[in-house]
Amino acid sequence: MIKDVNPFVHELLKNVVSEMDYSIDATCGNGKDTLLLAKLSKHVYSFDIQDLAVRHTKKLLEDNNIFNVTLIKDTHERMSKYINNKVKAITFNLGYLPGGDKSIITNESSTVLALEDATSLLAKNGVITIIIYVGHVGGLSEAKAVEEFASTLNKNEFKVIKYYFLNTHLPPYVIAIEKK
């Protein structure tokens, strides 16, 4: 069956990450991706710039008795300042925090910098997943920047796919990057 974007990403992560791996949630939001990665990984580094996102994620983790996560209130573009080891998965959900202030959004400049860091932190056979939401102000320009970045990756080092629903107006979609 064809999966919506979030279940598609979760399936990719489940197929890549093991209990010996480190992973990153580059935009923790309400914590659902962090929770999944924590159940799969040895340790997760989870980033967000918003106090509300960090609090929601912390509560979700506590409610599920999850303790293998480092929550970092900082922008994802500085992830390499916090992480020295290779990671097996890095996930991004771009746009704004669901249920939060819709004027606080990810933007193309910080996202591309974060993706540059992500590709250098990624372990062999690791994956970066990016869910791109285009239905808000700034979403289309960020999507274009992400696609431009992904399309320039060396095909001998990375595989890049786009998972997109053609019969929906401005649907969210996925860019997945696998390191060979």
Protein backbone atom coordinates (compact mmCIF):
# COMPACT_ATOMS: atom_id res chain seq x y z
CA MET A 1 0.00 0.00 0.00
CA ILE A 2 1.05 3.58 -0.64
CA LYS A 3 1.80 5.33 2.65
CA ASP A 4 1.31 8.96 3.62
CA VAL A 5 4.54 10.89 4.20
CA ASN A 6 4.95 10.33 7.96
CA PRO A 7 4.36 6.55 7.87
CA PHE A 8 6.65 6.35 4.82
CA VAL A 9 9.45 8.09 6.72
CA HIS A 10 8.86 5.96 9.82
CA GLU A 11 9.11 2.80 7.73
CA LEU A 12 12.42 3.99 6.26
CA LEU A 13 13.78 4.73 9.72
CA LYS A 14 12.69 1.34 11.06
CA ASN A 15 14.53 -0.36 8.21
CA VAL A 16 17.78 1.56 8.80
CA VAL A 17 18.22 2.20 12.52
CA SER A 18 19.29 -0.42 15.08
CA GLU A 19 19.73 -0.34 18.84
CA MET A 20 23.48 0.25 18.41
CA ASP A 21 23.01 3.41 16.33
CA TYR A 22 22.91 7.12 17.09
CA SER A 23 20.28 9.29 15.42
CA ILE A 24 19.12 12.89 15.18
CA ASP A 25 15.71 14.52 15.10
CA ALA A 26 16.65 17.88 13.58
CA THR A 27 13.21 19.40 14.29
CA CYS A 28 11.66 17.72 17.33
CA GLY A 29 8.30 19.50 17.15
CA ASN A 30 5.81 17.53 19.27
CA GLY A 31 8.24 14.64 19.72
CA LYS A 32 6.77 11.84 17.62
CA ASP A 33 9.87 11.30 15.48
CA THR A 34 12.11 11.62 18.54
CA LEU A 35 10.05 8.96 20.32
CA LEU A 36 10.29 6.58 17.37
CA LEU A 37 14.04 7.12 17.00
CA ALA A 38 14.54 6.62 20.76
CA LYS A 39 12.79 3.25 20.56
CA LEU A 40 15.04 2.24 17.64
CA SER A 41 18.39 3.83 18.58
CA LYS A 42 21.08 3.69 21.22
CA HIS A 43 20.81 7.47 21.61
CA VAL A 44 18.96 10.37 19.95
CA TYR A 45 19.92 14.03 19.72
CA SER A 46 16.78 16.11 19.30
CA PHE A 47 16.81 19.78 18.27
CA ASP A 48 14.30 22.60 18.23
CA ILE A 49 14.47 26.37 18.66
CA GLN A 50 11.13 26.61 20.47
CA ASP A 51 10.66 26.06 24.21
CA LEU A 52 7.17 24.68 23.52
CA ALA A 53 8.52 21.99 21.19
CA VAL A 54 11.21 20.94 23.66
CA ARG A 55 8.64 20.80 26.50
CA HIS A 56 6.17 18.74 24.42
CA THR A 57 8.92 16.33 23.42
CA LYS A 58 10.23 16.03 26.97
CA LYS A 59 6.75 15.23 28.29
CA LEU A 60 6.11 12.64 25.58
CA LEU A 61 9.43 10.95 26.38
CA GLU A 62 8.75 10.99 30.12
CA ASP A 63 5.24 9.58 29.59
CA ASN A 64 6.84 6.70 27.66
CA ASN A 65 9.73 6.16 30.10
CA ILE A 66 12.32 7.03 27.44
CA PHE A 67 15.69 8.30 28.69
CA ASN A 68 18.13 7.85 25.79
CA VAL A 69 17.53 11.32 24.31
CA THR A 70 19.46 14.55 24.58
CA LEU A 71 17.08 17.47 24.00
CA ILE A 72 18.84 20.53 22.60
CA LYS A 73 17.15 23.93 22.42
CA ASP A 74 19.07 25.25 19.47
CA THR A 75 18.82 25.47 15.71
CA HIS A 76 19.49 22.38 13.64
CA GLU A 77 22.10 24.29 11.66
CA ARG A 78 24.46 23.91 14.65
CA MET A 79 24.02 20.14 15.10
CA SER A 80 27.69 19.39 14.40
CA LYS A 81 28.66 21.53 17.40
CA TYR A 82 26.90 19.00 19.66
CA ILE A 83 27.59 15.70 17.92
CA ASN A 84 30.96 14.12 17.18
CA ASN A 85 29.98 10.56 16.28
CA LYS A 86 28.47 9.23 13.06
CA VAL A 87 24.69 8.81 13.06
CA LYS A 88 22.54 6.31 11.19
CA ALA A 89 19.47 8.51 10.70
CA ILE A 90 18.61 12.19 10.67
CA THR A 91 15.04 13.30 10.25
CA PHE A 92 13.62 16.74 9.47
CA ASN A 93 10.01 17.93 9.49
CA LEU A 94 10.10 21.38 7.96
CA GLY A 95 7.60 24.20 8.35
CA TYR A 96 6.04 25.19 11.66
CA LEU A 97 5.22 23.46 14.93
CA PRO A 98 1.76 21.85 14.70
CA GLY A 99 -0.39 23.59 17.32
CA GLY A 100 2.26 26.26 17.80
CA ASP A 101 3.00 29.73 16.49
CA LYS A 102 2.72 29.48 12.70
CA SER A 103 4.94 32.53 12.24
CA ILE A 104 7.94 30.57 13.56
CA ILE A 105 9.08 28.42 10.64
CA THR A 106 12.14 26.64 9.37
CA ASN A 107 13.86 28.58 6.62
CA GLU A 108 15.93 27.73 3.60
CA SER A 109 19.24 29.14 4.80
CA SER A 110 19.34 27.31 8.16
CA THR A 111 17.90 24.13 6.64
CA VAL A 112 20.52 23.95 3.90
CA LEU A 113 23.29 24.54 6.47
CA ALA A 114 21.78 21.78 8.61
CA LEU A 115 21.67 19.44 5.61
CA GLU A 116 25.33 20.14 4.89
CA ASP A 117 26.14 19.12 8.48
CA ALA A 118 23.80 16.15 8.24
CA THR A 119 25.53 14.69 5.20
CA SER A 120 28.91 14.88 6.96
CA LEU A 121 27.55 13.32 10.19
CA LEU A 122 25.77 10.49 8.38
CA ALA A 123 27.22 6.98 8.67
CA LYS A 124 27.56 4.64 5.71
CA ASN A 125 24.15 3.19 4.77
CA GLY A 126 22.53 5.90 6.89
CA VAL A 127 19.54 7.96 5.81
CA ILE A 128 18.37 11.56 6.02
CA THR A 129 14.63 12.08 5.69
CA ILE A 130 13.11 15.48 5.07
CA ILE A 131 9.36 16.04 5.15
CA ILE A 132 8.73 19.27 3.28
CA TYR A 133 5.53 21.24 3.81
CA VAL A 134 4.89 23.80 1.09
CA GLY A 135 1.45 25.17 2.00
CA HIS A 136 2.69 28.03 4.19
CA VAL A 137 4.54 31.27 3.48
CA GLY A 138 8.17 30.39 2.84
CA GLY A 139 7.45 26.70 2.26
CA LEU A 140 7.94 26.74 -1.50
CA SER A 141 11.25 28.61 -1.37
CA GLU A 142 12.55 26.27 1.33
CA ALA A 143 11.44 23.27 -0.74
CA LYS A 144 13.28 24.62 -3.77
CA ALA A 145 16.47 25.14 -1.73
CA VAL A 146 16.30 21.62 -0.28
CA GLU A 147 15.78 20.10 -3.73
CA GLU A 148 18.66 22.14 -5.17
CA PHE A 149 20.92 20.96 -2.36
CA ALA A 150 19.88 17.31 -2.69
CA SER A 151 20.24 17.33 -6.46
CA THR A 152 23.89 18.43 -6.19
CA LEU A 153 24.95 15.49 -4.00
CA ASN A 154 27.44 13.17 -5.67
CA LYS A 155 25.56 10.17 -7.06
CA ASN A 156 28.54 7.94 -6.26
CA GLU A 157 28.19 8.81 -2.56
CA PHE A 158 24.45 9.32 -2.09
CA LYS A 159 21.13 8.07 -3.40
CA VAL A 160 18.36 10.68 -3.38
CA ILE A 161 14.63 10.12 -3.87
CA LYS A 162 11.53 12.29 -3.86
CA TYR A 163 8.26 10.77 -2.57
CA TYR A 164 5.39 12.94 -3.76
CA PHE A 165 1.63 12.64 -4.30
CA LEU A 166 0.76 13.95 -7.75
CA ASN A 167 -3.02 14.19 -7.27
CA THR A 168 -2.99 16.64 -4.33
CA HIS A 169 -2.58 20.42 -4.37
CA LEU A 170 0.59 21.49 -2.49
CA PRO A 171 1.05 18.18 -0.67
CA PRO A 172 3.80 17.62 1.85
CA TYR A 173 6.46 15.37 0.40
CA VAL A 174 9.66 13.56 1.30
CA ILE A 175 13.22 13.86 0.14
CA ALA A 176 15.26 10.88 1.37
CA ILE A 177 19.04 10.76 1.13
CA GLU A 178 20.95 7.53 1.65
CA LYS A 179 24.72 7.50 2.09
CA LYS A 180 26.34 4.66 0.11
